[in-house]
């Protein structure tokens, strides 16, 4: 076979196979965004004084707590209301049993010197900075001695806790 014939045969063979297609490309960037918002949750554990002997002449102390969980870096303060007892104040909250009242106080320290409230008139709030995990804070309570006229009964109160962040 001559060179010429070989070239024609090769050309004919190549004509049977299509040329490879060239794929085009295009590129773009996809933006991905998120905003982490400051958030907090609060839960409580009751202050349970147990049995109170009002004629013993002794204070009865108890403790409970709050658990605050806030987004990392979020500062927070926890305020307490006066409770639902008639005539309650931050310094003298009132547990009720029917129409009967038993005075008590809530504190932020184990020495029971800082009254927990809303930060006004000499009372204090509890504060912290969130770290993304639950933060447990003890709340201290005291039923003061000297309430000898309080009759026997089951006494209770509800204090609202508000976390501001």
C-alpha atoms as a PDB file:
ATOM      1  CA  UNK A   1       0.000   0.000   0.000  1.00  0.00           C
ATOM      2  CA  UNK A   2       1.301   3.309  -0.961  1.00  0.00           C
ATOM      3  CA  UNK A   3       1.676   6.197   1.402  1.00  0.00           C
ATOM      4  CA  UNK A   4      -1.128   7.922  -0.334  1.00  0.00           C
ATOM      5  CA  UNK A   5      -3.496   5.003   0.089  1.00  0.00           C
ATOM      6  CA  UNK A   6      -2.497   4.651   3.696  1.00  0.00           C
ATOM      7  CA  UNK A   7      -3.260   8.284   4.354  1.00  0.00           C
ATOM      8  CA  UNK A   8      -6.703   7.951   2.729  1.00  0.00           C
ATOM      9  CA  UNK A   9      -7.438   4.792   4.731  1.00  0.00           C
ATOM     10  CA  UNK A  10      -6.373   6.525   7.928  1.00  0.00           C
ATOM     11  CA  UNK A  11      -8.508   9.554   7.109  1.00  0.00           C
ATOM     12  CA  UNK A  12     -11.493   7.321   6.358  1.00  0.00           C
ATOM     13  CA  UNK A  13     -10.999   5.452   9.634  1.00  0.00           C
ATOM     14  CA  UNK A  14     -10.772   8.688  11.643  1.00  0.00           C
ATOM     15  CA  UNK A  15     -13.924   9.969   9.985  1.00  0.00           C
ATOM     16  CA  UNK A  16     -15.833   7.046  11.514  1.00  0.00           C
ATOM     17  CA  UNK A  17     -15.037   8.297  15.063  1.00  0.00           C
ATOM     18  CA  UNK A  18     -16.471  11.627  16.171  1.00  0.00           C
ATOM     19  CA  UNK A  19     -14.130  14.184  17.570  1.00  0.00           C
ATOM     20  CA  UNK A  20     -14.031  14.451  21.353  1.00  0.00           C
ATOM     21  CA  UNK A  21     -16.401  17.135  22.665  1.00  0.00           C
ATOM     22  CA  UNK A  22     -14.895  19.840  24.787  1.00  0.00           C
ATOM     23  CA  UNK A  23     -17.040  20.612  27.890  1.00  0.00           C
ATOM     24  CA  UNK A  24     -17.241  24.236  28.951  1.00  0.00           C
ATOM     25  CA  UNK A  25     -17.036  25.293  32.615  1.00  0.00           C
ATOM     26  CA  UNK A  26     -18.300  28.224  34.598  1.00  0.00           C
ATOM     27  CA  UNK A  27     -17.505  29.079  38.208  1.00  0.00           C
ATOM     28  CA  UNK A  28     -19.316  31.112  40.843  1.00  0.00           C
ATOM     29  CA  UNK A  29     -19.086  31.434  44.637  1.00  0.00           C
ATOM     30  CA  UNK A  30     -21.968  30.411  46.921  1.00  0.00           C
ATOM     31  CA  UNK A  31     -22.339  32.630  49.969  1.00  0.00           C
ATOM     32  CA  UNK A  32     -23.246  30.896  53.212  1.00  0.00           C
ATOM     33  CA  UNK A  33     -24.344  33.046  56.166  1.00  0.00           C
ATOM     34  CA  UNK A  34     -25.835  32.634  59.627  1.00  0.00           C
ATOM     35  CA  UNK A  35     -26.501  34.909  62.563  1.00  0.00           C
ATOM     36  CA  UNK A  36     -26.117  33.444  66.032  1.00  0.00           C
ATOM     37  CA  UNK A  37     -28.569  35.255  68.275  1.00  0.00           C
ATOM     38  CA  UNK A  38     -28.244  35.871  71.979  1.00  0.00           C
ATOM     39  CA  UNK A  39     -30.606  33.528  73.828  1.00  0.00           C
ATOM     40  CA  UNK A  40     -31.141  32.423  77.404  1.00  0.00           C
ATOM     41  CA  UNK A  41     -33.337  29.949  79.260  1.00  0.00           C
ATOM     42  CA  UNK A  42     -34.006  29.737  82.975  1.00  0.00           C
ATOM     43  CA  UNK A  43     -35.342  26.986  85.200  1.00  0.00           C
ATOM     44  CA  UNK A  44     -35.746  26.810  88.958  1.00  0.00           C
ATOM     45  CA  UNK A  45     -35.340  24.370  91.822  1.00  0.00           C
ATOM     46  CA  UNK A  46     -37.651  25.023  94.796  1.00  0.00           C
ATOM     47  CA  UNK A  47     -36.511  26.457  98.100  1.00  0.00           C
ATOM     48  CA  UNK A  48     -37.926  23.869 100.496  1.00  0.00           C
ATOM     49  CA  UNK A  49     -37.762  24.768 104.182  1.00  0.00           C
ATOM     50  CA  UNK A  50     -39.223  21.479 105.364  1.00  0.00           C
ATOM     51  CA  UNK A  51     -40.856  21.469 108.789  1.00  0.00           C
ATOM     52  CA  UNK A  52     -40.778  24.851 110.521  1.00  0.00           C
ATOM     53  CA  UNK A  53     -41.128  25.031 114.309  1.00  0.00           C
ATOM     54  CA  UNK A  54     -42.235  28.624 114.901  1.00  0.00           C
ATOM     55  CA  UNK A  55     -41.888  28.339 118.696  1.00  0.00           C
ATOM     56  CA  UNK A  56     -38.272  27.110 118.654  1.00  0.00           C
ATOM     57  CA  UNK A  57     -36.797  30.610 118.575  1.00  0.00           C
ATOM     58  CA  UNK A  58     -34.504  29.637 115.673  1.00  0.00           C
ATOM     59  CA  UNK A  59     -34.286  30.706 112.061  1.00  0.00           C
ATOM     60  CA  UNK A  60     -35.021  27.988 109.531  1.00  0.00           C
ATOM     61  CA  UNK A  61     -32.743  28.099 106.496  1.00  0.00           C
ATOM     62  CA  UNK A  62     -33.195  26.424 103.140  1.00  0.00           C
ATOM     63  CA  UNK A  63     -31.796  26.653  99.656  1.00  0.00           C
ATOM     64  CA  UNK A  64     -32.896  26.123  96.087  1.00  0.00           C
ATOM     65  CA  UNK A  65     -31.626  27.516  92.878  1.00  0.00           C
ATOM     66  CA  UNK A  66     -31.880  28.704  89.350  1.00  0.00           C
ATOM     67  CA  UNK A  67     -30.240  27.319  86.247  1.00  0.00           C
ATOM     68  CA  UNK A  68     -29.463  29.784  83.473  1.00  0.00           C
ATOM     69  CA  UNK A  69     -28.261  28.692  80.048  1.00  0.00           C
ATOM     70  CA  UNK A  70     -27.202  31.453  77.660  1.00  0.00           C
ATOM     71  CA  UNK A  71     -25.449  31.713  74.334  1.00  0.00           C
ATOM     72  CA  UNK A  72     -21.675  31.963  74.783  1.00  0.00           C
ATOM     73  CA  UNK A  73     -20.660  35.537  75.630  1.00  0.00           C
ATOM     74  CA  UNK A  74     -24.191  36.718  76.458  1.00  0.00           C
ATOM     75  CA  UNK A  75     -24.344  38.646  79.734  1.00  0.00           C
ATOM     76  CA  UNK A  76     -27.455  38.099  81.832  1.00  0.00           C
ATOM     77  CA  UNK A  77     -29.119  39.180  85.059  1.00  0.00           C
ATOM     78  CA  UNK A  78     -31.761  37.273  87.001  1.00  0.00           C
ATOM     79  CA  UNK A  79     -34.309  39.231  89.006  1.00  0.00           C
ATOM     80  CA  UNK A  80     -36.861  37.846  91.452  1.00  0.00           C
ATOM     81  CA  UNK A  81     -40.347  39.164  92.094  1.00  0.00           C
ATOM     82  CA  UNK A  82     -41.788  39.657  95.579  1.00  0.00           C
ATOM     83  CA  UNK A  83     -44.018  36.602  95.324  1.00  0.00           C
ATOM     84  CA  UNK A  84     -47.771  36.254  95.436  1.00  0.00           C
ATOM     85  CA  UNK A  85     -48.364  36.567  99.193  1.00  0.00           C
ATOM     86  CA  UNK A  86     -50.502  39.515 100.278  1.00  0.00           C
ATOM     87  CA  UNK A  87     -48.323  42.422 101.414  1.00  0.00           C
ATOM     88  CA  UNK A  88     -45.054  40.815 100.302  1.00  0.00           C
ATOM     89  CA  UNK A  89     -41.922  42.895  99.830  1.00  0.00           C
ATOM     90  CA  UNK A  90     -38.440  41.877  98.739  1.00  0.00           C
ATOM     91  CA  UNK A  91     -37.263  41.937 102.364  1.00  0.00           C
ATOM     92  CA  UNK A  92     -40.311  40.092 103.698  1.00  0.00           C
ATOM     93  CA  UNK A  93     -41.947  37.702 101.269  1.00  0.00           C
ATOM     94  CA  UNK A  94     -45.064  35.829 102.380  1.00  0.00           C
ATOM     95  CA  UNK A  95     -45.959  32.158 102.072  1.00  0.00           C
ATOM     96  CA  UNK A  96     -49.679  31.571 102.457  1.00  0.00           C
ATOM     97  CA  UNK A  97     -51.857  28.820 103.863  1.00  0.00           C
ATOM     98  CA  UNK A  98     -55.384  30.004 103.250  1.00  0.00           C
ATOM     99  CA  UNK A  99     -55.479  33.457 104.872  1.00  0.00           C
ATOM    100  CA  UNK A 100     -52.472  32.781 107.100  1.00  0.00           C
ATOM    101  CA  UNK A 101     -49.016  34.098 106.190  1.00  0.00           C
ATOM    102  CA  UNK A 102     -45.479  32.939 107.024  1.00  0.00           C
ATOM    103  CA  UNK A 103     -42.697  35.467 106.364  1.00  0.00           C
ATOM    104  CA  UNK A 104     -39.492  34.469 104.614  1.00  0.00           C
ATOM    105  CA  UNK A 105     -36.653  36.052 102.647  1.00  0.00           C
ATOM    106  CA  UNK A 106     -34.508  35.041  99.666  1.00  0.00           C
ATOM    107  CA  UNK A 107     -30.805  35.820  99.404  1.00  0.00           C
ATOM    108  CA  UNK A 108     -28.002  35.553  96.860  1.00  0.00           C
ATOM    109  CA  UNK A 109     -25.324  34.657  99.415  1.00  0.00           C
ATOM    110  CA  UNK A 110     -24.912  31.906 101.985  1.00  0.00           C
ATOM    111  CA  UNK A 111     -24.467  34.506 104.756  1.00  0.00           C
ATOM    112  CA  UNK A 112     -27.992  35.696 103.931  1.00  0.00           C
ATOM    113  CA  UNK A 113     -27.076  39.381 103.784  1.00  0.00           C
ATOM    114  CA  UNK A 114     -27.909  40.263 100.133  1.00  0.00           C
ATOM    115  CA  UNK A 115     -31.651  40.163  99.497  1.00  0.00           C
ATOM    116  CA  UNK A 116     -32.503  38.872  96.017  1.00  0.00           C
ATOM    117  CA  UNK A 117     -34.889  41.117  94.127  1.00  0.00           C
ATOM    118  CA  UNK A 118     -34.973  43.391  91.103  1.00  0.00           C
ATOM    119  CA  UNK A 119     -31.928  45.517  91.908  1.00  0.00           C
ATOM    120  CA  UNK A 120     -33.911  48.419  93.399  1.00  0.00           C
ATOM    121  CA  UNK A 121     -34.019  49.824  96.936  1.00  0.00           C
ATOM    122  CA  UNK A 122     -31.070  47.899  98.355  1.00  0.00           C
ATOM    123  CA  UNK A 123     -31.823  44.467  96.933  1.00  0.00           C
ATOM    124  CA  UNK A 124     -29.675  42.750  94.314  1.00  0.00           C
ATOM    125  CA  UNK A 125     -29.955  40.671  91.175  1.00  0.00           C
ATOM    126  CA  UNK A 126     -27.898  37.663  90.161  1.00  0.00           C
ATOM    127  CA  UNK A 127     -25.717  37.995  87.073  1.00  0.00           C
ATOM    128  CA  UNK A 128     -23.314  36.189  84.847  1.00  0.00           C
ATOM    129  CA  UNK A 129     -22.062  35.629  81.330  1.00  0.00           C
ATOM    130  CA  UNK A 130     -23.247  32.732  79.231  1.00  0.00           C
ATOM    131  CA  UNK A 131     -20.840  30.042  78.099  1.00  0.00           C
ATOM    132  CA  UNK A 132     -23.312  27.873  76.211  1.00  0.00           C
ATOM    133  CA  UNK A 133     -23.700  25.491  79.170  1.00  0.00           C
ATOM    134  CA  UNK A 134     -26.088  25.446  82.110  1.00  0.00           C
ATOM    135  CA  UNK A 135     -24.969  27.656  84.981  1.00  0.00           C
ATOM    136  CA  UNK A 136     -26.362  26.674  88.375  1.00  0.00           C
ATOM    137  CA  UNK A 137     -26.802  29.381  90.994  1.00  0.00           C
ATOM    138  CA  UNK A 138     -27.831  28.664  94.579  1.00  0.00           C
ATOM    139  CA  UNK A 139     -30.603  30.747  96.105  1.00  0.00           C
ATOM    140  CA  UNK A 140     -30.679  30.909  99.902  1.00  0.00           C
ATOM    141  CA  UNK A 141     -33.830  31.277 101.956  1.00  0.00           C
ATOM    142  CA  UNK A 142     -34.663  31.971 105.564  1.00  0.00           C
ATOM    143  CA  UNK A 143     -37.822  31.781 107.641  1.00  0.00           C
ATOM    144  CA  UNK A 144     -36.985  34.149 110.478  1.00  0.00           C
ATOM    145  CA  UNK A 145     -37.533  33.152 114.087  1.00  0.00           C
ATOM    146  CA  UNK A 146     -40.177  34.911 116.159  1.00  0.00           C
ATOM    147  CA  UNK A 147     -43.276  34.086 114.091  1.00  0.00           C
ATOM    148  CA  UNK A 148     -44.978  32.366 117.028  1.00  0.00           C
ATOM    149  CA  UNK A 149     -48.519  33.445 116.075  1.00  0.00           C
ATOM    150  CA  UNK A 150     -48.444  31.572 112.739  1.00  0.00           C
ATOM    151  CA  UNK A 151     -50.803  28.560 112.886  1.00  0.00           C
ATOM    152  CA  UNK A 152     -49.890  25.082 111.680  1.00  0.00           C
ATOM    153  CA  UNK A 153     -50.493  24.427 108.003  1.00  0.00           C
ATOM    154  CA  UNK A 154     -48.887  23.877 104.639  1.00  0.00           C
ATOM    155  CA  UNK A 155     -47.505  27.200 103.363  1.00  0.00           C
ATOM    156  CA  UNK A 156     -46.341  28.072  99.857  1.00  0.00           C
ATOM    157  CA  UNK A 157     -45.547  30.974  97.564  1.00  0.00           C
ATOM    158  CA  UNK A 158     -44.610  31.489  93.927  1.00  0.00           C
ATOM    159  CA  UNK A 159     -41.832  33.907  93.006  1.00  0.00           C
ATOM    160  CA  UNK A 160     -41.328  34.877  89.377  1.00  0.00           C
ATOM    161  CA  UNK A 161     -37.763  34.786  88.063  1.00  0.00           C
ATOM    162  CA  UNK A 162     -36.920  36.951  85.061  1.00  0.00           C
ATOM    163  CA  UNK A 163     -33.648  36.673  83.146  1.00  0.00           C
ATOM    164  CA  UNK A 164     -32.700  39.730  81.118  1.00  0.00           C
ATOM    165  CA  UNK A 165     -30.002  39.451  78.461  1.00  0.00           C
END
